[in-house]
Protein backbone atom coordinates (compact mmCIF):
# COMPACT_ATOMS: atom_id res chain seq x y z
CA MET A 1 86.78 30.77 32.95
CA LYS A 2 87.53 26.98 33.75
CA LYS A 3 84.84 27.21 36.50
CA ILE A 4 82.35 28.27 34.07
CA PHE A 5 83.14 25.54 31.53
CA SER A 6 83.10 22.93 34.49
CA GLY A 7 79.56 24.19 35.49
CA ILE A 8 78.27 23.95 31.82
CA PHE A 9 79.63 20.54 31.47
CA LEU A 10 78.03 19.44 34.88
CA VAL A 11 74.65 20.86 33.58
CA MET A 12 74.95 18.84 30.46
CA ILE A 13 75.52 15.65 32.20
CA LEU A 14 72.71 16.15 34.50
CA MET A 15 70.33 16.86 31.58
CA LEU A 16 71.61 13.67 29.80
CA THR A 17 71.12 11.43 32.66
CA SER A 18 67.61 12.83 33.46
CA LEU A 19 66.31 12.02 29.91
CA PRO A 20 64.04 8.74 29.62
CA ALA A 21 65.87 5.50 28.63
CA TYR A 22 65.52 5.66 24.89
CA ALA A 23 68.29 5.12 22.41
CA ALA A 24 68.71 5.60 18.66
CA HIS A 25 66.28 3.44 16.72
CA SER A 26 67.34 0.21 15.00
CA THR A 27 66.80 -0.91 11.39
CA ILE A 28 64.10 -3.54 11.01
CA LYS A 29 64.25 -6.03 8.19
CA ILE A 30 61.45 -8.63 7.99
CA ASP A 31 62.01 -11.50 5.53
CA GLY A 32 64.97 -9.48 4.23
CA VAL A 33 63.00 -6.19 3.55
CA ALA A 34 63.83 -3.15 5.35
CA ILE A 35 60.53 -1.86 6.32
CA THR A 36 59.00 1.74 6.20
CA THR A 37 57.32 2.92 9.32
CA ASP A 38 55.54 6.25 9.89
CA VAL A 39 57.11 6.37 13.43
CA ALA A 40 60.58 5.21 13.89
CA PRO A 41 61.43 1.97 16.04
CA GLU A 42 63.61 2.68 19.05
CA VAL A 43 65.51 1.08 21.74
CA LYS A 44 64.41 1.11 25.43
CA ASN A 45 66.36 -0.78 28.16
CA ASN A 46 68.27 -2.84 25.42
CA ARG A 47 65.12 -3.93 23.85
CA THR A 48 63.86 -2.84 20.35
CA MET A 49 60.34 -1.47 20.37
CA VAL A 50 58.36 -0.92 17.40
CA PRO A 51 54.91 0.43 16.71
CA LEU A 52 52.09 -2.01 16.89
CA ARG A 53 51.50 -1.44 13.04
CA VAL A 54 54.72 -3.10 12.23
CA ILE A 55 53.64 -6.29 13.88
CA SER A 56 50.02 -6.41 12.72
CA GLU A 57 50.88 -5.59 8.97
CA ASN A 58 54.17 -7.30 8.39
CA LEU A 59 53.85 -10.47 10.57
CA GLY A 60 50.32 -10.96 9.75
CA ALA A 61 48.92 -10.52 13.19
CA ALA A 62 45.22 -9.54 13.69
CA VAL A 63 44.64 -6.69 16.36
CA ASN A 64 41.70 -6.13 18.48
CA TRP A 65 41.31 -3.31 20.96
CA THR A 66 39.31 -3.55 24.08
CA ASP A 67 39.31 -0.51 26.25
CA SER A 68 42.98 -0.14 27.15
CA LYS A 69 44.00 -3.70 26.29
CA VAL A 70 45.18 -4.87 22.83
CA THR A 71 45.06 -8.40 21.61
CA LEU A 72 47.25 -9.76 18.85
CA THR A 73 46.40 -13.15 17.05
CA ASN A 74 48.34 -14.89 14.50
CA ASN A 75 47.43 -18.56 13.69
CA ASN A 76 46.83 -20.35 16.91
CA MET A 77 48.74 -17.89 19.15
CA GLN A 78 47.10 -14.98 20.97
CA ILE A 79 48.92 -12.25 23.03
CA ALA A 80 47.16 -9.78 25.10
CA LEU A 81 48.86 -6.69 26.67
CA LYS A 82 48.47 -3.07 27.89
CA ALA A 83 50.50 0.07 27.83
CA ASN A 84 52.68 0.65 30.83
CA SER A 85 52.24 -3.01 32.17
CA ASN A 86 54.72 -5.79 32.29
CA THR A 87 52.07 -8.32 32.43
CA VAL A 88 51.18 -10.15 29.24
CA LEU A 89 48.61 -13.05 28.53
CA LYS A 90 50.06 -15.55 26.18
CA ASN A 91 47.21 -18.12 25.04
CA GLY A 92 45.70 -17.24 28.52
CA LYS A 93 48.90 -17.66 30.49
CA THR A 94 50.47 -14.89 32.33
CA GLU A 95 54.01 -13.85 31.59
CA LEU A 96 56.19 -10.97 32.61
CA LEU A 97 57.96 -8.67 29.97
CA ASP A 98 61.26 -7.11 31.00
CA VAL A 99 60.13 -3.96 29.15
CA GLN A 100 56.72 -2.27 29.24
CA PRO A 101 54.85 -1.46 26.14
CA TYR A 102 54.23 2.25 25.94
CA LEU A 103 52.37 4.95 24.19
CA LYS A 104 54.32 7.62 22.20
CA ASN A 105 53.18 9.93 19.39
CA ASN A 106 49.83 8.21 19.60
CA ARG A 107 51.48 4.78 18.71
CA LEU A 108 51.68 1.87 21.02
CA PHE A 109 55.26 0.59 21.06
CA VAL A 110 55.84 -3.26 21.75
CA PRO A 111 58.81 -5.49 22.14
CA ILE A 112 59.39 -7.08 18.63
CA ARG A 113 61.48 -9.83 19.86
CA PHE A 114 59.20 -11.13 22.38
CA ILE A 115 56.03 -10.90 20.08
CA ALA A 116 57.96 -12.14 16.90
CA GLU A 117 59.42 -15.12 18.74
CA THR A 118 55.94 -15.90 20.24
CA PHE A 119 54.68 -16.07 16.66
CA GLY A 120 57.26 -18.53 15.75
CA CYS A 121 59.61 -16.09 13.96
CA GLN A 122 63.38 -16.11 14.14
CA VAL A 123 64.90 -12.82 15.52
CA ASN A 124 68.60 -11.85 15.27
CA TYR A 125 70.31 -8.56 16.20
CA GLN A 126 73.50 -7.49 14.64
CA HIS A 127 75.14 -4.08 13.84
CA SER A 128 72.19 -2.09 15.08
CA ALA A 129 69.73 -3.91 12.77
CA VAL A 130 66.98 -6.39 13.82
CA THR A 131 66.16 -9.13 11.41
CA VAL A 132 63.01 -11.13 11.60
CA ASP A 133 62.48 -14.14 9.43
CA THR A 134 59.00 -15.67 9.32
CA GLU A 135 57.70 -19.08 7.96
CA PRO A 136 57.15 -19.09 4.32
CA LEU A 137 53.90 -20.08 2.47
CA VAL A 138 54.08 -23.58 1.18
CA ILE A 139 52.02 -24.94 -1.77
CA ASP A 140 52.11 -28.40 -2.68
CA ASN A 141 55.24 -28.86 -0.68
CA VAL A 142 57.13 -25.96 -2.45
CA LYS A 143 58.05 -22.77 -0.49
CA VAL A 144 56.74 -19.50 -1.96
CA LYS A 145 59.37 -16.88 -2.48
CA ALA A 146 57.20 -14.01 -3.85
CA ILE A 147 53.99 -13.22 -5.72
CA GLN A 148 54.58 -11.83 -9.18
CA ASP A 149 51.69 -9.54 -10.00
CA GLU A 150 51.07 -8.16 -13.46
CA TYR A 151 48.51 -5.68 -14.49
CA HIS A 152 47.79 -3.70 -17.74
CA MET A 153 46.59 -0.17 -18.34
CA ILE A 154 45.47 1.50 -21.81
CA MET A 155 49.04 2.19 -22.48
CA GLY A 156 51.53 -0.38 -21.16
CA GLY A 157 51.59 -2.53 -18.15
CA VAL A 158 53.42 -3.21 -15.00
CA ILE A 159 54.99 -6.39 -13.48
CA GLN A 160 56.03 -6.37 -9.74
CA GLN A 161 56.86 -8.79 -7.09
CA ILE A 162 55.27 -8.93 -3.70
CA GLN A 163 57.67 -10.10 -0.95
CA GLY A 164 57.12 -10.95 2.78
CA ASN A 165 55.76 -14.25 3.90
CA ALA A 166 52.85 -12.75 5.85
CA TYR A 167 51.57 -10.98 2.67
CA ASN A 168 51.92 -14.08 0.54
CA LYS A 169 49.88 -16.01 3.10
CA ALA A 170 47.29 -13.41 3.41
CA LEU A 171 46.81 -13.12 -0.43
CA TYR A 172 46.72 -16.75 -0.80
CA LYS A 173 44.04 -17.17 1.76
CA VAL A 174 41.95 -14.43 -0.03
CA PHE A 175 42.20 -16.31 -3.34
CA ILE A 176 41.32 -19.75 -1.91
CA GLU A 177 38.72 -18.81 0.59
CA ASN A 178 36.76 -16.62 -1.74
CA LYS A 179 36.48 -18.79 -4.66
CA GLY A 180 32.68 -19.25 -5.22
CA SER A 181 30.78 -21.76 -7.51
CA ILE A 182 32.53 -23.14 -10.29
CA VAL A 183 31.36 -21.80 -13.77
CA ASP A 184 32.19 -22.18 -17.49
CA ALA A 185 35.02 -20.12 -18.90
CA PRO A 186 33.74 -16.80 -20.55
CA THR A 187 33.34 -16.95 -24.40
CA ASN A 188 35.51 -13.76 -24.70
CA TYR A 189 38.19 -12.82 -22.17
CA SER A 190 41.55 -10.94 -22.60
CA TRP A 191 43.81 -8.20 -21.36
CA GLN A 192 41.88 -5.87 -23.53
CA THR A 193 38.53 -4.36 -23.18
CA ASN A 194 36.31 -5.81 -26.09
CA ILE A 195 33.71 -3.36 -26.86
CA ASP A 196 32.20 -5.50 -29.57
CA ASN A 197 30.96 -8.34 -27.34
CA PRO A 198 28.40 -8.11 -24.58
CA GLY A 199 29.47 -10.49 -21.86
CA SER A 200 33.29 -10.22 -22.45
CA TYR A 201 35.88 -9.96 -19.60
CA TYR A 202 39.05 -8.14 -19.32
CA LYS A 203 41.86 -9.24 -17.09
CA LEU A 204 42.33 -7.23 -13.96
CA GLY A 205 45.57 -8.79 -12.87
CA GLN A 206 47.70 -12.02 -13.00
CA TYR A 207 49.14 -13.29 -9.70
CA ASP A 208 52.01 -15.96 -9.88
CA PHE A 209 53.08 -17.62 -6.59
CA MET A 210 56.74 -18.11 -7.40
CA SER A 211 59.20 -20.74 -6.04
CA TYR A 212 62.90 -19.86 -5.05
CA ASP A 213 63.98 -21.08 -8.44
CA ASN A 214 61.62 -18.60 -9.94
CA LYS A 215 58.89 -21.02 -11.31
CA SER A 216 55.26 -20.62 -11.00
CA ILE A 217 53.65 -22.77 -8.35
CA GLN A 218 50.20 -21.41 -8.56
CA GLN A 219 48.48 -18.81 -10.84
CA PHE A 220 45.35 -16.97 -10.48
CA ASP A 221 43.88 -14.31 -12.89
CA LEU A 222 41.11 -12.07 -11.96
CA TYR A 223 38.58 -10.85 -14.59
CA SER A 224 36.09 -8.08 -14.59
CA LEU A 225 32.81 -7.79 -16.82
CA ASN A 226 32.90 -5.26 -19.46
CA ASN A 227 29.99 -2.97 -18.46
CA ALA A 228 30.18 -0.76 -21.54
CA PHE A 229 26.82 -2.29 -22.69
CA PRO A 230 23.15 -1.68 -21.84
CA ALA A 231 22.29 -3.45 -18.65
CA GLU A 232 19.70 -5.71 -20.26
CA LEU A 233 22.55 -7.33 -22.38
CA LEU A 234 24.52 -8.20 -19.22
CA LYS A 235 21.86 -9.91 -17.22
CA GLY A 236 23.13 -13.24 -15.81
CA TYR A 237 26.77 -12.25 -16.19
CA PRO A 238 28.72 -12.00 -12.86
CA GLU A 239 30.74 -9.05 -12.24
CA VAL A 240 33.99 -10.57 -11.30
CA LEU A 241 35.51 -14.08 -12.09
CA ILE A 242 38.71 -15.85 -10.91
CA HIS A 243 40.58 -18.29 -13.03
CA ASP A 244 42.70 -20.82 -11.39
CA VAL A 245 45.18 -21.20 -14.35
CA THR A 246 47.06 -24.16 -12.69
CA ALA A 247 43.91 -26.23 -12.52
CA ASP A 248 42.34 -24.57 -15.41
CA LYS A 249 39.05 -23.80 -13.55
CA TRP A 250 36.82 -20.82 -13.40
CA TYR A 251 34.95 -19.56 -10.24
CA LEU A 252 32.72 -16.78 -9.25
CA PHE A 253 34.52 -14.07 -7.21
CA THR A 254 33.30 -11.10 -5.21
CA ASP A 255 34.08 -7.38 -5.24
CA LYS A 256 34.86 -7.46 -1.57
CA ALA A 257 37.53 -10.15 -2.24
CA LEU A 258 39.03 -8.07 -4.90
CA GLU A 259 39.04 -4.90 -2.55
CA SER A 260 40.92 -7.00 0.02
CA ILE A 261 43.60 -8.06 -2.45
CA ASN A 262 44.02 -4.33 -3.50
CA GLN A 263 44.32 -3.28 0.09
CA LEU A 264 46.87 -5.99 0.93
CA ILE A 265 49.02 -4.97 -1.93
CA ASN A 266 48.74 -1.33 -1.25
CA THR A 267 49.81 -2.00 2.35
CA ALA A 268 52.86 -4.11 1.13
CA THR A 269 53.75 -1.32 -1.30
CA ASN A 270 53.59 1.38 1.60
CA ASN A 271 55.88 -0.98 3.80
CA GLY A 272 58.45 -1.56 1.20
CA PHE A 273 57.49 -5.19 0.19
CA VAL A 274 56.80 -4.56 -3.54
CA THR A 275 59.48 -4.27 -6.13
CA VAL A 276 58.55 -3.04 -9.70
CA LEU A 277 60.31 -5.20 -12.21
CA SER A 278 58.87 -3.62 -15.40
CA ASN A 279 56.85 -0.58 -15.96
CA THR A 280 55.86 0.15 -19.73
CA VAL A 281 53.05 2.54 -18.88
CA VAL A 282 53.42 5.73 -20.77
C-alpha cells in the first residue's frame, strides 16, 4: 500500500513540474480602481502578464496590428513587439524583455510593468496586487480627480463619476478638439424637451472635471436639437451644440464626437472606472 501511495505521489509531482510556468493571477489596480477583464491576468516567470486590452483601454495607449506585430503608442512613446519574442522596439531602439509576450485564449498577454513604466507610470507590487498609477490630467494647473457626469431621462436622472486618468484625458481631448465654430446661445434650452418651440435644445449631459477638493475646474454641457417638428422648421439649426460653461461660450459639435464620448464612458463602465453617486430613474 505504501508503494502505491508513493507511486501516486511521484506521478503528481511529475505532472506539476511538467506544467507551463504560470502562476495564480494577480489583482490589477490602475489609479486605485480594481479593473475588470474578460481574461484574468496571470504571473509567468515572476512577471505579471495582462491582456493587451488592459493596456490599450486603461492606460490610454493606441494599438495598431501589422501582420504579427503590435504597436502601442502613448503620447510620444511607442512600443513594438511580437508574441513569443523577447525583442521589443522602444521608440525605434531595440531592447530585450525578460519574459516573452504570448497568445492565450485568443488574447495577447504582455508584461504590465515594462509597458506601464515605459509610458511613465508608477508600478508597485505588494501582497499579490499590482498597482499602477498614471499621470493625472491637469487643467489650469489643477489636477483632475474625476469627471462628474449627469444625465436625465423622462423620469429621474443619474449622477456618476468617471475615474482613471487615461479616461479623463481622453474625454477632455474629445471636448477640446471637437469644438467647432463659436455660435450664439440657443433661445430655448433646458434639461427637458420643449415641444412648443421649434429650434429648442435639450441637454444630453453635463460633464464636470473635478479637482481633488471636489470643485469643478471645467464644465461642458452637450445639447441636442429637438427634432419633434417638421424639417422645414428646423432648417439652419445644428443637430448638436456644446456649451463651455466655464467660459460661457457655445460651439458647434458633431455626432461623431458625441459617439466617441459615449464609447469612452461605456468602456470605462465595463472596466470598473464608473461609480454611480445618485440614480433617481424610476
